[in-house]
Amino acid sequence: MSAEPEIAQPALPSSGPNHLALLAILSVLAGLVDVTGFLSLDHVFTAHITGNLVVMAAQMANGGPPHVAQLLSIPVFGLTVAVAYLVARRARMTGGRGALLLAQSFLLFLVLGLVLRTGKGDSQTLAPSVAAAMLAVAAMALQNAFVRVSLHQSSTTSTMTGNVASLVIGLTALVWPGPWTRDEAAKKLRNTLPLVLGFFVGCAVGAASVPRLGPWAWSLPALLSLVAIPVGAAPATLAALRRSAVPSRAPGAR
């Protein structure tokens, strides 16, 4: 008797308002991490990762040595994204939502613990500062992979250039429709405005918290990452439970 062929699990659908709320939370989180990291970890971009290439190029053009943490951020980011993809692939029905969000939160709490242990956020000891920066970079890599692989979204929560372009085009198309209809423009605005505003709010809060809280400023993104876990993981878990309750059938079975 031949074994029944395995039925591939379809991708999880978007979850409407909860889906957009999660992206907005992640945008605030990315803004917090990027600014806090830049101000307290020797000018390393932990979310806007390609910014490190620009800073390194400018430093080298002025005759300075490449920044160790900025140099390491690119391979660390890429490797973490690959690992996150494999986690999501293995998770199948849930798309790794819970696992990736938990891992992101765990890494941010590690950053908090490390900077508190060194006594200040901008430690002049190279090794702890680089280690904290790489942990934050890995956390943001998990977030980027999560949005693309688990949520199947092309929007980004950590770099706003494309989102700002969509926002401006959407506002313009509302007045002068053309390549984008008014309905398309309104949909783009609904999807991008919360992300842009969220990132800017995160940047503002991060910039205000570092001089006031010192290393404790890292507690803000760490705590916010905990909020993202139930918002992001619950819809996927419920969907997986519903699917597991329905027995799969082989093609042609009656």
Protein backbone atom coordinates (compact mmCIF):
# COMPACT_ATOMS: atom_id res chain seq x y z
CA MET A 1 0.00 0.00 0.00
CA SER A 2 1.46 3.36 -1.00
CA ALA A 3 1.69 6.12 1.55
CA GLU A 4 -0.60 9.11 1.16
CA PRO A 5 1.20 12.15 -0.23
CA GLU A 6 1.76 14.96 2.21
CA ILE A 7 -0.39 18.02 1.66
CA ALA A 8 1.61 21.24 1.67
CA GLN A 9 0.49 23.80 4.23
CA PRO A 10 -0.57 27.13 2.73
CA ALA A 11 0.93 30.38 3.89
CA LEU A 12 -0.81 32.08 6.77
CA PRO A 13 -3.10 34.88 5.72
CA SER A 14 -2.80 38.40 6.99
CA SER A 15 -4.76 39.14 10.15
CA GLY A 16 -6.25 42.51 9.31
CA PRO A 17 -6.01 45.22 11.98
CA ASN A 18 -3.92 43.00 14.27
CA HIS A 19 -1.46 42.53 11.43
CA LEU A 20 -1.07 46.28 10.93
CA ALA A 21 -0.90 46.87 14.69
CA LEU A 22 1.96 44.39 14.93
CA LEU A 23 3.88 46.14 12.12
CA ALA A 24 3.38 49.48 13.89
CA ILE A 25 4.71 48.05 17.17
CA LEU A 26 7.72 46.59 15.38
CA SER A 27 8.38 49.95 13.70
CA VAL A 28 8.44 51.73 17.06
CA LEU A 29 10.73 48.99 18.36
CA ALA A 30 13.12 49.34 15.40
CA GLY A 31 13.30 53.11 15.85
CA LEU A 32 14.06 52.67 19.54
CA VAL A 33 16.79 50.09 18.91
CA ASP A 34 18.41 52.01 16.05
CA VAL A 35 18.71 55.34 17.89
CA THR A 36 19.59 53.79 21.24
CA GLY A 37 22.28 51.69 19.60
CA PHE A 38 23.68 54.59 17.60
CA LEU A 39 23.90 56.85 20.65
CA SER A 40 25.11 54.32 23.21
CA LEU A 41 27.09 51.74 21.21
CA ASP A 42 29.66 53.88 19.44
CA HIS A 43 27.58 54.98 16.44
CA VAL A 44 26.53 51.58 15.14
CA PHE A 45 23.28 51.37 13.19
CA THR A 46 21.60 48.26 14.55
CA ALA A 47 18.39 48.40 12.46
CA HIS A 48 19.25 50.54 9.42
CA ILE A 49 22.11 48.17 8.72
CA THR A 50 23.26 49.62 5.39
CA GLY A 51 23.93 52.91 7.16
CA ASN A 52 27.02 51.24 8.59
CA LEU A 53 28.43 50.93 5.07
CA VAL A 54 28.08 54.67 4.56
CA VAL A 55 29.74 55.51 7.88
CA MET A 56 32.57 53.04 7.25
CA ALA A 57 33.17 54.45 3.77
CA ALA A 58 33.31 57.99 5.16
CA GLN A 59 35.74 56.97 7.90
CA MET A 60 38.04 55.19 5.46
CA ALA A 61 37.90 58.10 3.00
CA ASN A 62 39.16 60.33 5.83
CA GLY A 63 42.04 57.94 6.51
CA GLY A 64 40.56 56.26 9.56
CA PRO A 65 40.42 52.51 10.24
CA PRO A 66 37.17 50.60 9.66
CA HIS A 67 34.91 50.41 12.70
CA VAL A 68 34.93 46.83 14.06
CA ALA A 69 31.26 46.69 15.04
CA GLN A 70 30.10 48.36 11.83
CA LEU A 71 32.18 45.90 9.82
CA LEU A 72 30.82 42.88 11.68
CA SER A 73 27.22 44.06 11.50
CA ILE A 74 26.78 43.04 7.85
CA PRO A 75 27.73 39.33 8.15
CA VAL A 76 26.01 39.03 11.54
CA PHE A 77 22.81 40.45 10.06
CA GLY A 78 22.94 38.17 7.03
CA LEU A 79 23.69 35.03 9.02
CA THR A 80 20.86 35.73 11.49
CA VAL A 81 18.38 36.28 8.64
CA ALA A 82 19.36 32.91 7.17
CA VAL A 83 18.88 31.20 10.55
CA ALA A 84 15.49 32.91 10.97
CA TYR A 85 14.39 31.64 7.55
CA LEU A 86 15.30 28.07 8.51
CA VAL A 87 13.38 28.42 11.79
CA ALA A 88 10.29 29.65 9.93
CA ARG A 89 10.67 26.86 7.37
CA ARG A 90 10.78 24.23 10.09
CA ALA A 91 7.80 25.72 11.93
CA ARG A 92 5.54 25.30 8.86
CA MET A 93 2.00 26.16 9.98
CA THR A 94 2.91 28.99 12.38
CA GLY A 95 5.66 30.37 10.16
CA GLY A 96 7.93 30.66 13.18
CA ARG A 97 6.05 33.67 14.50
CA GLY A 98 6.29 32.87 18.18
CA ALA A 99 9.84 31.53 17.97
CA LEU A 100 11.23 34.53 16.09
CA LEU A 101 9.51 37.11 18.29
CA LEU A 102 10.66 35.31 21.43
CA ALA A 103 14.20 35.14 20.09
CA GLN A 104 14.16 38.85 19.28
CA SER A 105 13.00 39.69 22.80
CA PHE A 106 15.59 37.38 24.34
CA LEU A 107 18.41 39.10 22.42
CA LEU A 108 17.25 42.56 23.46
CA PHE A 109 17.18 41.54 27.11
CA LEU A 110 20.70 40.19 26.65
CA VAL A 111 21.72 43.63 25.34
CA LEU A 112 20.16 45.24 28.41
CA GLY A 113 21.94 42.85 30.75
CA LEU A 114 25.28 43.38 29.02
CA VAL A 115 25.19 47.18 29.08
CA LEU A 116 24.04 47.19 32.71
CA ARG A 117 26.87 44.84 33.62
CA THR A 118 29.48 47.13 32.05
CA GLY A 119 28.08 50.04 34.06
CA LYS A 120 27.08 52.35 31.24
CA GLY A 121 25.62 52.15 27.76
CA ASP A 122 28.61 53.61 25.95
CA SER A 123 31.23 51.36 27.48
CA GLN A 124 34.76 52.27 26.47
CA THR A 125 35.74 48.60 26.72
CA LEU A 126 35.66 47.41 23.13
CA ALA A 127 34.53 43.80 23.56
CA PRO A 128 31.29 44.40 25.57
CA SER A 129 30.31 47.29 23.29
CA VAL A 130 30.82 45.23 20.13
CA ALA A 131 29.03 42.23 21.65
CA ALA A 132 26.03 44.36 22.65
CA ALA A 133 25.89 45.92 19.20
CA MET A 134 25.95 42.51 17.50
CA LEU A 135 23.17 41.22 19.74
CA ALA A 136 21.04 44.24 18.80
CA VAL A 137 21.87 43.74 15.11
CA ALA A 138 20.82 40.09 15.37
CA ALA A 139 17.54 41.11 17.04
CA MET A 140 16.76 43.46 14.17
CA ALA A 141 17.73 40.80 11.64
CA LEU A 142 15.17 38.49 13.22
CA GLN A 143 12.56 41.23 12.92
CA ASN A 144 13.35 41.80 9.23
CA ALA A 145 13.14 38.09 8.49
CA PHE A 146 9.96 37.79 10.53
CA VAL A 147 8.17 40.47 8.51
CA ARG A 148 9.13 38.92 5.18
CA VAL A 149 8.98 35.19 5.91
CA SER A 150 6.38 34.84 8.67
CA LEU A 151 4.09 37.72 7.68
CA HIS A 152 4.83 37.60 3.92
CA GLN A 153 5.06 41.39 3.83
CA SER A 154 7.21 43.53 1.54
CA SER A 155 6.93 46.53 3.87
CA THR A 156 9.87 47.18 6.14
CA THR A 157 9.75 48.17 9.79
CA SER A 158 13.42 49.09 10.20
CA THR A 159 14.19 51.38 7.24
CA MET A 160 11.70 54.03 6.23
CA THR A 161 13.00 55.24 2.86
CA GLY A 162 10.64 53.08 0.79
CA ASN A 163 7.75 53.67 3.19
CA VAL A 164 8.20 57.44 3.02
CA ALA A 165 8.25 57.24 -0.79
CA SER A 166 5.00 55.25 -0.75
CA LEU A 167 3.50 57.75 1.69
CA VAL A 168 4.35 60.76 -0.48
CA ILE A 169 3.19 59.07 -3.70
CA GLY A 170 -0.03 58.01 -1.99
CA LEU A 171 -0.76 61.56 -0.80
CA THR A 172 -0.03 62.92 -4.28
CA ALA A 173 -2.15 60.25 -5.99
CA LEU A 174 -5.14 61.16 -3.84
CA VAL A 175 -5.13 64.55 -5.53
CA TRP A 176 -3.82 63.54 -8.97
CA PRO A 177 -4.58 59.84 -9.58
CA GLY A 178 -2.71 58.14 -12.40
CA PRO A 179 -0.32 55.24 -11.98
CA TRP A 180 -2.02 54.78 -8.60
CA THR A 181 -5.79 55.08 -8.35
CA ARG A 182 -7.31 56.86 -5.37
CA ASP A 183 -8.30 53.52 -3.86
CA GLU A 184 -4.76 52.19 -4.25
CA ALA A 185 -3.34 55.39 -2.77
CA ALA A 186 -5.69 55.21 0.23
CA LYS A 187 -4.72 51.57 0.85
CA LYS A 188 -1.00 52.42 0.68
CA LEU A 189 -1.50 55.28 3.11
CA ARG A 190 -3.32 53.04 5.59
CA ASN A 191 -0.51 50.49 5.41
CA THR A 192 2.51 52.81 5.51
CA LEU A 193 1.50 55.75 7.71
CA PRO A 194 1.45 53.72 10.98
CA LEU A 195 4.91 52.32 10.17
CA VAL A 196 6.47 55.71 9.41
CA LEU A 197 4.89 57.38 12.44
CA GLY A 198 5.84 54.44 14.64
CA PHE A 199 9.48 54.53 13.58
CA PHE A 200 9.70 58.28 14.14
CA VAL A 201 8.11 57.91 17.59
CA GLY A 202 10.63 55.20 18.43
CA CYS A 203 13.51 57.41 17.29
CA ALA A 204 12.26 60.36 19.35
CA VAL A 205 11.75 58.27 22.49
CA GLY A 206 15.14 56.61 22.05
CA ALA A 207 16.92 59.94 21.61
CA ALA A 208 15.26 61.31 24.74
CA SER A 209 15.83 58.21 26.87
CA VAL A 210 19.57 57.65 26.35
CA PRO A 211 20.79 60.85 28.08
CA ARG A 212 18.21 60.46 30.86
CA LEU A 213 18.30 56.72 31.52
CA GLY A 214 21.79 55.74 30.43
CA PRO A 215 22.08 51.95 30.01
CA TRP A 216 18.53 51.55 31.31
CA ALA A 217 17.34 53.07 28.02
CA TRP A 218 17.67 49.55 26.62
CA SER A 219 14.85 48.46 28.92
CA LEU A 220 12.35 50.30 26.68
CA PRO A 221 12.90 48.23 23.50
CA ALA A 222 13.30 45.08 25.59
CA LEU A 223 9.91 45.59 27.26
CA LEU A 224 8.22 46.61 24.00
CA SER A 225 9.47 43.42 22.38
CA LEU A 226 7.45 41.50 24.99
CA VAL A 227 4.30 43.32 23.84
CA ALA A 228 4.91 42.22 20.25
CA ILE A 229 4.96 38.51 21.15
CA PRO A 230 1.24 37.95 21.95
CA VAL A 231 0.15 40.36 19.20
CA GLY A 232 2.17 38.50 16.59
CA ALA A 233 2.06 34.91 17.78
CA ALA A 234 -1.57 34.52 18.84
CA PRO A 235 -3.22 34.68 15.36
CA ALA A 236 -0.75 32.13 13.95
CA THR A 237 -1.21 29.78 16.90
CA LEU A 238 -5.00 29.86 16.56
CA ALA A 239 -4.77 29.23 12.82
CA ALA A 240 -2.43 26.28 13.40
CA LEU A 241 -4.80 24.78 15.97
CA ARG A 242 -7.73 25.08 13.56
CA ARG A 243 -5.76 23.38 10.79
CA SER A 244 -4.57 20.56 13.02
CA ALA A 245 -8.17 19.89 14.02
CA VAL A 246 -9.13 19.28 10.38
CA PRO A 247 -7.78 15.93 9.02
CA SER A 248 -5.90 16.29 5.75
CA ARG A 249 -7.00 14.27 2.75
CA ALA A 250 -5.02 12.75 -0.05
CA PRO A 251 -5.82 14.05 -3.54
CA GLY A 252 -8.76 12.13 -5.04
CA ALA A 253 -9.96 10.83 -1.65
CA ARG A 254 -13.71 10.83 -1.10
